[in-house]
């Protein structure tokens, strides 16, 4: 599964720790073994690399893009409201379109946007997410993104009922926050994460066009529809809101909501950019995806009536 989102340097200062030597008065018989002086070890700070001019130009471009979207009242973060009503029929229809279609098809060594029928895909094992930053990502941005992703992971786990946690070792869902320079040099690292990755999937990550804001690729083994690994790539050049918006969409899509739909509203799974953060509608889609009445690998014709029943119950429950 591959899903992407399209749309219309700071150097860390290292403080020097000075150890002042204190004089002690002489004594007649000093101890034979002087006390050990505790060693102060400064915290390890990753070296921040100056981004290239191309990366700096992209940062300007995406800042202008975010400003334009906000000026149009887009990138909403209110989750939807009275102006975005939906029924159980609409919710079920959106679920089928988003969870049971692929967004891309393979075309040689590349991927081409084309919605095609698929099977229900999701994780049947705990998700262990790690966050990996490129060498050019400033410390302040790293801290902000790591904190925001941790909170979002907890929300996704609560909504789906799936075990999702942030880890430092043995991850199976890799969140890579990279600038242009980092990503172009990440070919070997991605092959290390996913040995045997298809050339088309690798090229989709490395050769990300400017109008594609972010991307997620999820992998299964042996023709299964059950995910075993995923990589989400977020551009570090994005300003804060646009970057958070990409994190919300790609991490949720990496759980199995693989497609976008122009009819989905209020939703981040819609390329019109009206909503920037996960909505109440989208939380319901995630609940449906991990409802035990749906089975991994279900065909659309089999899953659709079950989805309608679940959607009806969810909205009835919300109205009561």
C-alpha atoms as a PDB file:
ATOM      1  CA  UNK A   1       0.000   0.000   0.000  1.00  0.00           C
ATOM      2  CA  UNK A   2       1.290   3.426  -0.937  1.00  0.00           C
ATOM      3  CA  UNK A   3      -0.464   6.621  -0.045  1.00  0.00           C
ATOM      4  CA  UNK A   4       0.697  10.172  -0.428  1.00  0.00           C
ATOM      5  CA  UNK A   5      -0.558  13.646   0.095  1.00  0.00           C
ATOM      6  CA  UNK A   6      -0.540  16.202  -2.675  1.00  0.00           C
ATOM      7  CA  UNK A   7      -1.498  19.869  -2.688  1.00  0.00           C
ATOM      8  CA  UNK A   8      -2.122  22.780  -4.824  1.00  0.00           C
ATOM      9  CA  UNK A   9      18.995  25.792   9.908  1.00  0.00           C
ATOM     10  CA  UNK A  10      19.374  26.474  12.715  1.00  0.00           C
ATOM     11  CA  UNK A  11      22.588  25.477  14.549  1.00  0.00           C
ATOM     12  CA  UNK A  12      22.188  24.148  18.039  1.00  0.00           C
ATOM     13  CA  UNK A  13      24.337  26.053  20.529  1.00  0.00           C
ATOM     14  CA  UNK A  14      26.451  23.801  22.708  1.00  0.00           C
ATOM     15  CA  UNK A  15      26.968  25.205  26.179  1.00  0.00           C
ATOM     16  CA  UNK A  16      30.401  24.641  27.637  1.00  0.00           C
ATOM     17  CA  UNK A  17      30.445  23.121  31.074  1.00  0.00           C
ATOM     18  CA  UNK A  18      33.316  24.526  33.138  1.00  0.00           C
ATOM     19  CA  UNK A  19      34.534  22.660  36.139  1.00  0.00           C
ATOM     20  CA  UNK A  20      35.928  25.023  38.735  1.00  0.00           C
ATOM     21  CA  UNK A  21      38.697  23.626  40.933  1.00  0.00           C
ATOM     22  CA  UNK A  22      38.239  24.484  44.595  1.00  0.00           C
ATOM     23  CA  UNK A  23      41.256  24.919  46.833  1.00  0.00           C
ATOM     24  CA  UNK A  24      41.237  22.983  50.093  1.00  0.00           C
ATOM     25  CA  UNK A  25      43.293  23.883  53.175  1.00  0.00           C
ATOM     26  CA  UNK A  26      46.379  21.840  53.839  1.00  0.00           C
ATOM     27  CA  UNK A  27      46.177  19.166  56.502  1.00  0.00           C
ATOM     28  CA  UNK A  28      49.022  17.468  58.285  1.00  0.00           C
ATOM     29  CA  UNK A  29      48.180  13.977  56.991  1.00  0.00           C
ATOM     30  CA  UNK A  30      46.234  13.987  53.716  1.00  0.00           C
ATOM     31  CA  UNK A  31      44.391  10.781  52.906  1.00  0.00           C
ATOM     32  CA  UNK A  32      46.412   8.230  50.970  1.00  0.00           C
ATOM     33  CA  UNK A  33      43.653   7.817  48.333  1.00  0.00           C
ATOM     34  CA  UNK A  34      42.079  11.114  47.272  1.00  0.00           C
ATOM     35  CA  UNK A  35      38.323  11.031  46.724  1.00  0.00           C
ATOM     36  CA  UNK A  36      37.198  10.528  43.153  1.00  0.00           C
ATOM     37  CA  UNK A  37      36.010  13.621  41.375  1.00  0.00           C
ATOM     38  CA  UNK A  38      32.719  12.905  39.657  1.00  0.00           C
ATOM     39  CA  UNK A  39      32.904  13.253  35.910  1.00  0.00           C
ATOM     40  CA  UNK A  40      30.359  15.552  34.306  1.00  0.00           C
ATOM     41  CA  UNK A  41      29.319  14.195  30.925  1.00  0.00           C
ATOM     42  CA  UNK A  42      27.461  16.684  28.743  1.00  0.00           C
ATOM     43  CA  UNK A  43      24.368  15.342  26.995  1.00  0.00           C
ATOM     44  CA  UNK A  44      24.966  14.059  23.506  1.00  0.00           C
ATOM     45  CA  UNK A  45      23.637  16.527  20.952  1.00  0.00           C
ATOM     46  CA  UNK A  46      23.354  15.417  17.327  1.00  0.00           C
ATOM     47  CA  UNK A  47      25.304  17.471  14.826  1.00  0.00           C
ATOM     48  CA  UNK A  48      22.967  19.657  12.784  1.00  0.00           C
ATOM     49  CA  UNK A  49      23.879  20.008   9.115  1.00  0.00           C
ATOM     50  CA  UNK A  50      23.208  23.203   7.182  1.00  0.00           C
ATOM     51  CA  UNK A  51      20.501  22.532   4.543  1.00  0.00           C
ATOM     52  CA  UNK A  52      21.193  23.163   0.884  1.00  0.00           C
ATOM     53  CA  UNK A  53      19.846  26.099  -1.092  1.00  0.00           C
ATOM     54  CA  UNK A  54      17.333  23.745  -2.713  1.00  0.00           C
ATOM     55  CA  UNK A  55      15.999  22.753   0.710  1.00  0.00           C
ATOM     56  CA  UNK A  56      15.835  26.383   1.827  1.00  0.00           C
ATOM     57  CA  UNK A  57      13.890  27.265  -1.324  1.00  0.00           C
ATOM     58  CA  UNK A  58      11.424  24.458  -0.598  1.00  0.00           C
ATOM     59  CA  UNK A  59      10.940  25.770   2.944  1.00  0.00           C
ATOM     60  CA  UNK A  60       9.982  29.169   1.513  1.00  0.00           C
ATOM     61  CA  UNK A  61       7.635  27.541  -0.999  1.00  0.00           C
ATOM     62  CA  UNK A  62       5.822  25.465   1.644  1.00  0.00           C
ATOM     63  CA  UNK A  63       5.544  28.416   4.027  1.00  0.00           C
ATOM     64  CA  UNK A  64       3.822  30.388   1.277  1.00  0.00           C
ATOM     65  CA  UNK A  65       1.624  27.384   0.512  1.00  0.00           C
ATOM     66  CA  UNK A  66       0.521  27.128   4.145  1.00  0.00           C
ATOM     67  CA  UNK A  67      -0.206  30.857   4.261  1.00  0.00           C
ATOM     68  CA  UNK A  68      -2.291  30.604   1.069  1.00  0.00           C
ATOM     69  CA  UNK A  69      -4.271  27.657   2.426  1.00  0.00           C
ATOM     70  CA  UNK A  70      -4.946  29.421   5.725  1.00  0.00           C
ATOM     71  CA  UNK A  71      -6.032  32.577   3.898  1.00  0.00           C
ATOM     72  CA  UNK A  72      -8.658  30.444   2.119  1.00  0.00           C
ATOM     73  CA  UNK A  73      -9.952  29.045   5.412  1.00  0.00           C
ATOM     74  CA  UNK A  74      -8.378  25.640   4.784  1.00  0.00           C
ATOM     75  CA  UNK A  75      -6.266  23.332   6.983  1.00  0.00           C
ATOM     76  CA  UNK A  76      -9.032  23.376   9.568  1.00  0.00           C
ATOM     77  CA  UNK A  77      -8.315  21.797  12.926  1.00  0.00           C
ATOM     78  CA  UNK A  78     -11.808  21.868  14.461  1.00  0.00           C
ATOM     79  CA  UNK A  79     -12.676  18.257  13.614  1.00  0.00           C
ATOM     80  CA  UNK A  80     -15.836  19.253  11.731  1.00  0.00           C
ATOM     81  CA  UNK A  81     -19.015  20.854  12.964  1.00  0.00           C
ATOM     82  CA  UNK A  82     -22.589  21.854  12.052  1.00  0.00           C
ATOM     83  CA  UNK A  83     -21.428  22.866   8.570  1.00  0.00           C
ATOM     84  CA  UNK A  84     -20.153  19.337   7.838  1.00  0.00           C
ATOM     85  CA  UNK A  85     -22.974  16.901   8.689  1.00  0.00           C
ATOM     86  CA  UNK A  86     -22.807  13.276   7.569  1.00  0.00           C
ATOM     87  CA  UNK A  87     -25.079  10.268   7.887  1.00  0.00           C
ATOM     88  CA  UNK A  88     -24.317   6.617   8.501  1.00  0.00           C
ATOM     89  CA  UNK A  89     -24.809   5.992   4.771  1.00  0.00           C
ATOM     90  CA  UNK A  90     -22.224   8.642   3.904  1.00  0.00           C
ATOM     91  CA  UNK A  91     -19.823   7.317   6.537  1.00  0.00           C
ATOM     92  CA  UNK A  92     -20.093   3.757   5.221  1.00  0.00           C
ATOM     93  CA  UNK A  93     -19.659   4.932   1.625  1.00  0.00           C
ATOM     94  CA  UNK A  94     -16.548   6.907   2.573  1.00  0.00           C
ATOM     95  CA  UNK A  95     -15.155   3.912   4.442  1.00  0.00           C
ATOM     96  CA  UNK A  96     -15.468   1.664   1.400  1.00  0.00           C
ATOM     97  CA  UNK A  97     -13.855   4.256  -0.844  1.00  0.00           C
ATOM     98  CA  UNK A  98     -10.958   4.979   1.537  1.00  0.00           C
ATOM     99  CA  UNK A  99     -10.268   1.588   3.146  1.00  0.00           C
ATOM    100  CA  UNK A 100     -11.031  -0.712   0.224  1.00  0.00           C
ATOM    101  CA  UNK A 101      -9.321   1.094  -2.652  1.00  0.00           C
ATOM    102  CA  UNK A 102      -5.643   1.628  -3.484  1.00  0.00           C
ATOM    103  CA  UNK A 103      -4.513   5.151  -4.327  1.00  0.00           C
ATOM    104  CA  UNK A 104      -1.673   4.160  -6.707  1.00  0.00           C
ATOM    105  CA  UNK A 105      -0.849   1.459  -9.233  1.00  0.00           C
ATOM    106  CA  UNK A 106       2.627   0.298 -10.268  1.00  0.00           C
ATOM    107  CA  UNK A 107       3.727   1.527 -13.689  1.00  0.00           C
ATOM    108  CA  UNK A 108       7.152   0.044 -14.430  1.00  0.00           C
ATOM    109  CA  UNK A 109       9.611   1.453 -11.893  1.00  0.00           C
ATOM    110  CA  UNK A 110       7.222   4.219 -10.891  1.00  0.00           C
ATOM    111  CA  UNK A 111       3.797   4.661  -9.348  1.00  0.00           C
ATOM    112  CA  UNK A 112       0.820   6.282 -11.016  1.00  0.00           C
ATOM    113  CA  UNK A 113      -2.217   7.728  -9.199  1.00  0.00           C
ATOM    114  CA  UNK A 114      -5.241   5.565  -9.942  1.00  0.00           C
ATOM    115  CA  UNK A 115      -7.893   4.412  -7.491  1.00  0.00           C
ATOM    116  CA  UNK A 116      -8.404   0.658  -7.832  1.00  0.00           C
ATOM    117  CA  UNK A 117     -10.411  -1.882  -5.838  1.00  0.00           C
ATOM    118  CA  UNK A 118      -8.450  -3.703  -3.174  1.00  0.00           C
ATOM    119  CA  UNK A 119      -9.012  -5.765  -0.041  1.00  0.00           C
ATOM    120  CA  UNK A 120      -9.276  -4.638   3.559  1.00  0.00           C
ATOM    121  CA  UNK A 121      -5.759  -4.048   4.898  1.00  0.00           C
ATOM    122  CA  UNK A 122      -4.720  -3.360   8.461  1.00  0.00           C
ATOM    123  CA  UNK A 123      -2.325  -4.401  11.235  1.00  0.00           C
ATOM    124  CA  UNK A 124      -2.950  -7.670  13.042  1.00  0.00           C
ATOM    125  CA  UNK A 125       0.042  -7.205  15.315  1.00  0.00           C
ATOM    126  CA  UNK A 126       1.133  -4.428  17.685  1.00  0.00           C
ATOM    127  CA  UNK A 127       2.493  -1.337  15.953  1.00  0.00           C
ATOM    128  CA  UNK A 128       5.884  -0.112  17.165  1.00  0.00           C
ATOM    129  CA  UNK A 129       6.563   3.380  15.818  1.00  0.00           C
ATOM    130  CA  UNK A 130       9.940   5.061  15.775  1.00  0.00           C
ATOM    131  CA  UNK A 131      10.739   8.639  14.778  1.00  0.00           C
ATOM    132  CA  UNK A 132      13.949   9.250  12.838  1.00  0.00           C
ATOM    133  CA  UNK A 133      15.180  12.732  11.946  1.00  0.00           C
ATOM    134  CA  UNK A 134      17.439  13.765   9.121  1.00  0.00           C
ATOM    135  CA  UNK A 135      20.727  15.441   9.936  1.00  0.00           C
ATOM    136  CA  UNK A 136      19.436  18.889   8.993  1.00  0.00           C
ATOM    137  CA  UNK A 137      16.387  18.965  11.297  1.00  0.00           C
ATOM    138  CA  UNK A 138      16.915  21.563  14.076  1.00  0.00           C
ATOM    139  CA  UNK A 139      16.768  20.495  17.714  1.00  0.00           C
ATOM    140  CA  UNK A 140      13.712  22.605  18.528  1.00  0.00           C
ATOM    141  CA  UNK A 141      11.767  21.053  15.660  1.00  0.00           C
ATOM    142  CA  UNK A 142      12.863  17.544  16.696  1.00  0.00           C
ATOM    143  CA  UNK A 143      11.564  18.079  20.225  1.00  0.00           C
ATOM    144  CA  UNK A 144       8.257  19.510  19.016  1.00  0.00           C
ATOM    145  CA  UNK A 145       7.646  16.761  16.453  1.00  0.00           C
ATOM    146  CA  UNK A 146       8.612  13.944  18.825  1.00  0.00           C
ATOM    147  CA  UNK A 147       6.202  15.246  21.465  1.00  0.00           C
ATOM    148  CA  UNK A 148       3.367  15.749  18.970  1.00  0.00           C
ATOM    149  CA  UNK A 149       3.827  12.298  17.446  1.00  0.00           C
ATOM    150  CA  UNK A 150       3.813  10.651  20.894  1.00  0.00           C
ATOM    151  CA  UNK A 151       0.476  12.308  21.716  1.00  0.00           C
ATOM    152  CA  UNK A 152      -0.962  11.368  18.323  1.00  0.00           C
ATOM    153  CA  UNK A 153       0.160   7.746  18.685  1.00  0.00           C
ATOM    154  CA  UNK A 154      -1.742   7.547  21.971  1.00  0.00           C
ATOM    155  CA  UNK A 155      -4.837   8.936  20.251  1.00  0.00           C
ATOM    156  CA  UNK A 156      -4.617   6.451  17.366  1.00  0.00           C
ATOM    157  CA  UNK A 157      -4.239   3.561  19.798  1.00  0.00           C
ATOM    158  CA  UNK A 158      -7.218   4.727  21.841  1.00  0.00           C
ATOM    159  CA  UNK A 159      -9.443   5.124  18.777  1.00  0.00           C
ATOM    160  CA  UNK A 160      -8.531   1.837  17.073  1.00  0.00           C
ATOM    161  CA  UNK A 161      -8.065  -0.339  20.146  1.00  0.00           C
ATOM    162  CA  UNK A 162      -4.818  -1.485  18.534  1.00  0.00           C
ATOM    163  CA  UNK A 163      -1.577  -1.564  20.512  1.00  0.00           C
ATOM    164  CA  UNK A 164       0.422   1.355  19.087  1.00  0.00           C
ATOM    165  CA  UNK A 165       3.413   2.690  20.961  1.00  0.00           C
ATOM    166  CA  UNK A 166       6.535   4.741  20.330  1.00  0.00           C
ATOM    167  CA  UNK A 167       9.787   2.788  20.597  1.00  0.00           C
ATOM    168  CA  UNK A 168      13.510   3.304  20.150  1.00  0.00           C
ATOM    169  CA  UNK A 169      14.330  -0.289  19.238  1.00  0.00           C
ATOM    170  CA  UNK A 170      12.888  -2.872  16.846  1.00  0.00           C
ATOM    171  CA  UNK A 171      10.219  -0.656  15.216  1.00  0.00           C
ATOM    172  CA  UNK A 172       7.928  -1.886  12.470  1.00  0.00           C
ATOM    173  CA  UNK A 173       6.515   1.566  11.551  1.00  0.00           C
ATOM    174  CA  UNK A 174       9.233   4.091  10.721  1.00  0.00           C
ATOM    175  CA  UNK A 175       8.381   7.806  10.707  1.00  0.00           C
ATOM    176  CA  UNK A 176      11.144   9.616   8.825  1.00  0.00           C
ATOM    177  CA  UNK A 177      11.284  13.409   9.058  1.00  0.00           C
ATOM    178  CA  UNK A 178      13.712  14.440   6.346  1.00  0.00           C
ATOM    179  CA  UNK A 179      14.559  17.451   4.255  1.00  0.00           C
ATOM    180  CA  UNK A 180      15.330  17.271   0.556  1.00  0.00           C
ATOM    181  CA  UNK A 181      19.032  16.561   1.093  1.00  0.00           C
ATOM    182  CA  UNK A 182      18.393  13.888   3.709  1.00  0.00           C
ATOM    183  CA  UNK A 183      15.792  12.064   1.636  1.00  0.00           C
ATOM    184  CA  UNK A 184      17.877  11.951  -1.543  1.00  0.00           C
ATOM    185  CA  UNK A 185      20.669  10.281   0.451  1.00  0.00           C
ATOM    186  CA  UNK A 186      18.351   7.795   2.177  1.00  0.00           C
ATOM    187  CA  UNK A 187      18.213   5.090  -0.503  1.00  0.00           C
ATOM    188  CA  UNK A 188      20.502   2.680   1.360  1.00  0.00           C
ATOM    189  CA  UNK A 189      18.801   3.366   4.691  1.00  0.00           C
ATOM    190  CA  UNK A 190      15.388   2.534   3.231  1.00  0.00           C
ATOM    191  CA  UNK A 191      16.772  -0.677   1.736  1.00  0.00           C
ATOM    192  CA  UNK A 192      18.076  -1.498   5.209  1.00  0.00           C
ATOM    193  CA  UNK A 193      14.617  -0.945   6.721  1.00  0.00           C
ATOM    194  CA  UNK A 194      12.833  -2.940   4.002  1.00  0.00           C
ATOM    195  CA  UNK A 195      15.176  -5.469   2.381  1.00  0.00           C
ATOM    196  CA  UNK A 196      13.988  -6.314  -1.104  1.00  0.00           C
ATOM    197  CA  UNK A 197      11.791  -3.217  -1.424  1.00  0.00           C
ATOM    198  CA  UNK A 198      10.364  -2.859  -4.929  1.00  0.00           C
ATOM    199  CA  UNK A 199      12.065  -0.281  -7.127  1.00  0.00           C
ATOM    200  CA  UNK A 200       8.750   1.481  -7.692  1.00  0.00           C
ATOM    201  CA  UNK A 201       8.186   1.922  -3.948  1.00  0.00           C
ATOM    202  CA  UNK A 202      11.766   3.055  -3.362  1.00  0.00           C
ATOM    203  CA  UNK A 203      11.565   5.580  -6.193  1.00  0.00           C
ATOM    204  CA  UNK A 204       8.248   6.894  -4.861  1.00  0.00           C
ATOM    205  CA  UNK A 205       9.997   7.792  -1.603  1.00  0.00           C
ATOM    206  CA  UNK A 206      13.296   9.091  -2.969  1.00  0.00           C
ATOM    207  CA  UNK A 207      11.969  10.991  -6.004  1.00  0.00           C
ATOM    208  CA  UNK A 208       9.160  12.799  -4.181  1.00  0.00           C
ATOM    209  CA  UNK A 209       7.883  15.631  -6.434  1.00  0.00           C
ATOM    210  CA  UNK A 210       7.399  19.087  -4.947  1.00  0.00           C
ATOM    211  CA  UNK A 211       3.590  18.909  -5.097  1.00  0.00           C
ATOM    212  CA  UNK A 212       3.590  15.709  -3.021  1.00  0.00           C
ATOM    213  CA  UNK A 213       3.747  16.869   0.567  1.00  0.00           C
ATOM    214  CA  UNK A 214       4.370  13.497   2.253  1.00  0.00           C
ATOM    215  CA  UNK A 215       4.011   9.776   1.665  1.00  0.00           C
ATOM    216  CA  UNK A 216       3.480   6.485   3.489  1.00  0.00           C
ATOM    217  CA  UNK A 217       4.261   3.007   2.210  1.00  0.00           C
ATOM    218  CA  UNK A 218       2.974  -0.051   4.082  1.00  0.00           C
ATOM    219  CA  UNK A 219       4.212  -3.569   3.414  1.00  0.00           C
ATOM    220  CA  UNK A 220       2.798  -7.047   3.921  1.00  0.00           C
ATOM    221  CA  UNK A 221       4.424 -10.442   3.476  1.00  0.00           C
ATOM    222  CA  UNK A 222       3.543 -13.376   1.289  1.00  0.00           C
ATOM    223  CA  UNK A 223       0.585 -11.770  -0.445  1.00  0.00           C
ATOM    224  CA  UNK A 224      -1.162 -11.144   2.858  1.00  0.00           C
ATOM    225  CA  UNK A 225      -3.322  -8.084   3.524  1.00  0.00           C
ATOM    226  CA  UNK A 226      -1.945  -7.842   7.052  1.00  0.00           C
ATOM    227  CA  UNK A 227       0.709  -5.167   7.379  1.00  0.00           C
ATOM    228  CA  UNK A 228       4.093  -6.029   8.840  1.00  0.00           C
ATOM    229  CA  UNK A 229       6.079  -2.852   8.174  1.00  0.00           C
ATOM    230  CA  UNK A 230       5.534   0.769   7.121  1.00  0.00           C
ATOM    231  CA  UNK A 231       7.543   3.882   6.298  1.00  0.00           C
ATOM    232  CA  UNK A 232       6.099   7.395   6.463  1.00  0.00           C
ATOM    233  CA  UNK A 233       8.175  10.248   5.058  1.00  0.00           C
ATOM    234  CA  UNK A 234       7.415  13.793   6.218  1.00  0.00           C
ATOM    235  CA  UNK A 235       9.185  16.779   4.708  1.00  0.00           C
ATOM    236  CA  UNK A 236      11.017  18.723   7.396  1.00  0.00           C
ATOM    237  CA  UNK A 237      10.810  21.880   5.240  1.00  0.00           C
ATOM    238  CA  UNK A 238       7.091  22.167   6.035  1.00  0.00           C
ATOM    239  CA  UNK A 239       6.059  24.855   8.512  1.00  0.00           C
ATOM    240  CA  UNK A 240       4.585  23.546  11.771  1.00  0.00           C
ATOM    241  CA  UNK A 241       0.912  23.208  10.810  1.00  0.00           C
ATOM    242  CA  UNK A 242       1.538  21.688   7.396  1.00  0.00           C
ATOM    243  CA  UNK A 243       4.019  19.244   8.916  1.00  0.00           C
ATOM    244  CA  UNK A 244       1.576  18.255  11.661  1.00  0.00           C
ATOM    245  CA  UNK A 245      -1.118  17.827   9.024  1.00  0.00           C
ATOM    246  CA  UNK A 246       1.110  15.422   7.101  1.00  0.00           C
ATOM    247  CA  UNK A 247       1.862  13.476  10.280  1.00  0.00           C
ATOM    248  CA  UNK A 248      -1.862  13.119  11.022  1.00  0.00           C
ATOM    249  CA  UNK A 249      -2.706  11.898   7.546  1.00  0.00           C
ATOM    250  CA  UNK A 250       0.197   9.565   6.809  1.00  0.00           C
ATOM    251  CA  UNK A 251       0.237   7.802  10.180  1.00  0.00           C
ATOM    252  CA  UNK A 252      -3.521   7.183   9.943  1.00  0.00           C
ATOM    253  CA  UNK A 253      -3.265   6.023   6.333  1.00  0.00           C
ATOM    254  CA  UNK A 254      -0.412   3.726   7.312  1.00  0.00           C
ATOM    255  CA  UNK A 255      -2.863   1.915   9.590  1.00  0.00           C
ATOM    256  CA  UNK A 256      -5.005   0.923   6.593  1.00  0.00           C
ATOM    257  CA  UNK A 257      -7.008   3.920   5.339  1.00  0.00           C
ATOM    258  CA  UNK A 258      -5.011   3.893   2.152  1.00  0.00           C
ATOM    259  CA  UNK A 259      -7.020   5.991  -0.305  1.00  0.00           C
ATOM    260  CA  UNK A 260      -8.404   9.517  -0.581  1.00  0.00           C
ATOM    261  CA  UNK A 261     -11.888  10.489  -1.689  1.00  0.00           C
ATOM    262  CA  UNK A 262     -13.169  13.884  -2.889  1.00  0.00           C
ATOM    263  CA  UNK A 263     -16.555  13.052  -1.316  1.00  0.00           C
ATOM    264  CA  UNK A 264     -15.129  12.463   2.183  1.00  0.00           C
ATOM    265  CA  UNK A 265     -16.064  15.385   4.472  1.00  0.00           C
ATOM    266  CA  UNK A 266     -15.122  16.354   7.128  1.00  0.00           C
ATOM    267  CA  UNK A 267     -11.919  14.425   6.493  1.00  0.00           C
ATOM    268  CA  UNK A 268      -8.182  14.649   6.000  1.00  0.00           C
ATOM    269  CA  UNK A 269      -8.534  11.827   3.451  1.00  0.00           C
ATOM    270  CA  UNK A 270      -9.487  14.372   0.814  1.00  0.00           C
ATOM    271  CA  UNK A 271      -6.976  16.270  -1.302  1.00  0.00           C
ATOM    272  CA  UNK A 272      -8.920  19.549  -1.068  1.00  0.00           C
ATOM    273  CA  UNK A 273      -6.947  20.436   2.117  1.00  0.00           C
ATOM    274  CA  UNK A 274     -10.078  21.717   3.887  1.00  0.00           C
ATOM    275  CA  UNK A 275      -9.113  19.828   7.036  1.00  0.00           C
ATOM    276  CA  UNK A 276      -5.556  19.619   8.265  1.00  0.00           C
ATOM    277  CA  UNK A 277      -5.987  17.484  11.383  1.00  0.00           C
ATOM    278  CA  UNK A 278      -7.769  14.187  12.038  1.00  0.00           C
ATOM    279  CA  UNK A 279     -11.517  14.782  12.329  1.00  0.00           C
ATOM    280  CA  UNK A 280     -14.334  13.105  14.244  1.00  0.00           C
ATOM    281  CA  UNK A 281     -15.408  11.519  10.941  1.00  0.00           C
ATOM    282  CA  UNK A 282     -11.904  10.097  10.478  1.00  0.00           C
ATOM    283  CA  UNK A 283     -11.845   8.681  13.995  1.00  0.00           C
ATOM    284  CA  UNK A 284     -15.027   6.783  13.138  1.00  0.00           C
ATOM    285  CA  UNK A 285     -13.350   5.401   9.999  1.00  0.00           C
ATOM    286  CA  UNK A 286     -10.491   4.107  12.146  1.00  0.00           C
ATOM    287  CA  UNK A 287     -12.940   2.548  14.619  1.00  0.00           C
ATOM    288  CA  UNK A 288     -14.674   0.806  11.724  1.00  0.00           C
ATOM    289  CA  UNK A 289     -11.399  -0.419  10.252  1.00  0.00           C
ATOM    290  CA  UNK A 290     -10.446  -2.200  13.480  1.00  0.00           C
ATOM    291  CA  UNK A 291     -13.909  -3.477  14.376  1.00  0.00           C
ATOM    292  CA  UNK A 292     -13.566  -7.273  14.863  1.00  0.00           C
ATOM    293  CA  UNK A 293     -16.587  -7.882  12.626  1.00  0.00           C
ATOM    294  CA  UNK A 294     -14.415  -6.869   9.695  1.00  0.00           C
ATOM    295  CA  UNK A 295     -11.640  -9.273   8.725  1.00  0.00           C
ATOM    296  CA  UNK A 296      -8.291  -8.506   7.189  1.00  0.00           C
ATOM    297  CA  UNK A 297      -8.366  -9.418   3.501  1.00  0.00           C
ATOM    298  CA  UNK A 298     -12.142  -8.962   3.036  1.00  0.00           C
ATOM    299  CA  UNK A 299     -13.278  -8.098  -0.477  1.00  0.00           C
ATOM    300  CA  UNK A 300     -15.289  -4.850  -0.893  1.00  0.00           C
ATOM    301  CA  UNK A 301     -18.547  -6.666  -1.688  1.00  0.00           C
ATOM    302  CA  UNK A 302     -18.227  -8.680   1.514  1.00  0.00           C
ATOM    303  CA  UNK A 303     -17.067  -5.796   3.712  1.00  0.00           C
ATOM    304  CA  UNK A 304     -19.538  -3.136   2.543  1.00  0.00           C
ATOM    305  CA  UNK A 305     -22.703  -4.461   4.300  1.00  0.00           C
ATOM    306  CA  UNK A 306     -20.749  -4.995   7.524  1.00  0.00           C
ATOM    307  CA  UNK A 307     -19.397  -1.446   7.269  1.00  0.00           C
ATOM    308  CA  UNK A 308     -22.943  -0.106   6.890  1.00  0.00           C
ATOM    309  CA  UNK A 309     -24.045  -1.887  10.050  1.00  0.00           C
ATOM    310  CA  UNK A 310     -21.067  -0.614  12.045  1.00  0.00           C
ATOM    311  CA  UNK A 311     -21.563   2.953  10.762  1.00  0.00           C
ATOM    312  CA  UNK A 312     -25.223   2.860  11.785  1.00  0.00           C
ATOM    313  CA  UNK A 313     -24.342   1.710  15.287  1.00  0.00           C
ATOM    314  CA  UNK A 314     -21.591   4.299  15.710  1.00  0.00           C
ATOM    315  CA  UNK A 315     -23.831   7.219  14.748  1.00  0.00           C
ATOM    316  CA  UNK A 316     -26.772   5.905  16.758  1.00  0.00           C
ATOM    317  CA  UNK A 317     -24.483   5.627  19.758  1.00  0.00           C
ATOM    318  CA  UNK A 318     -23.213   9.165  19.220  1.00  0.00           C
ATOM    319  CA  UNK A 319     -26.732  10.558  18.962  1.00  0.00           C
ATOM    320  CA  UNK A 320     -27.956   8.853  22.148  1.00  0.00           C
END
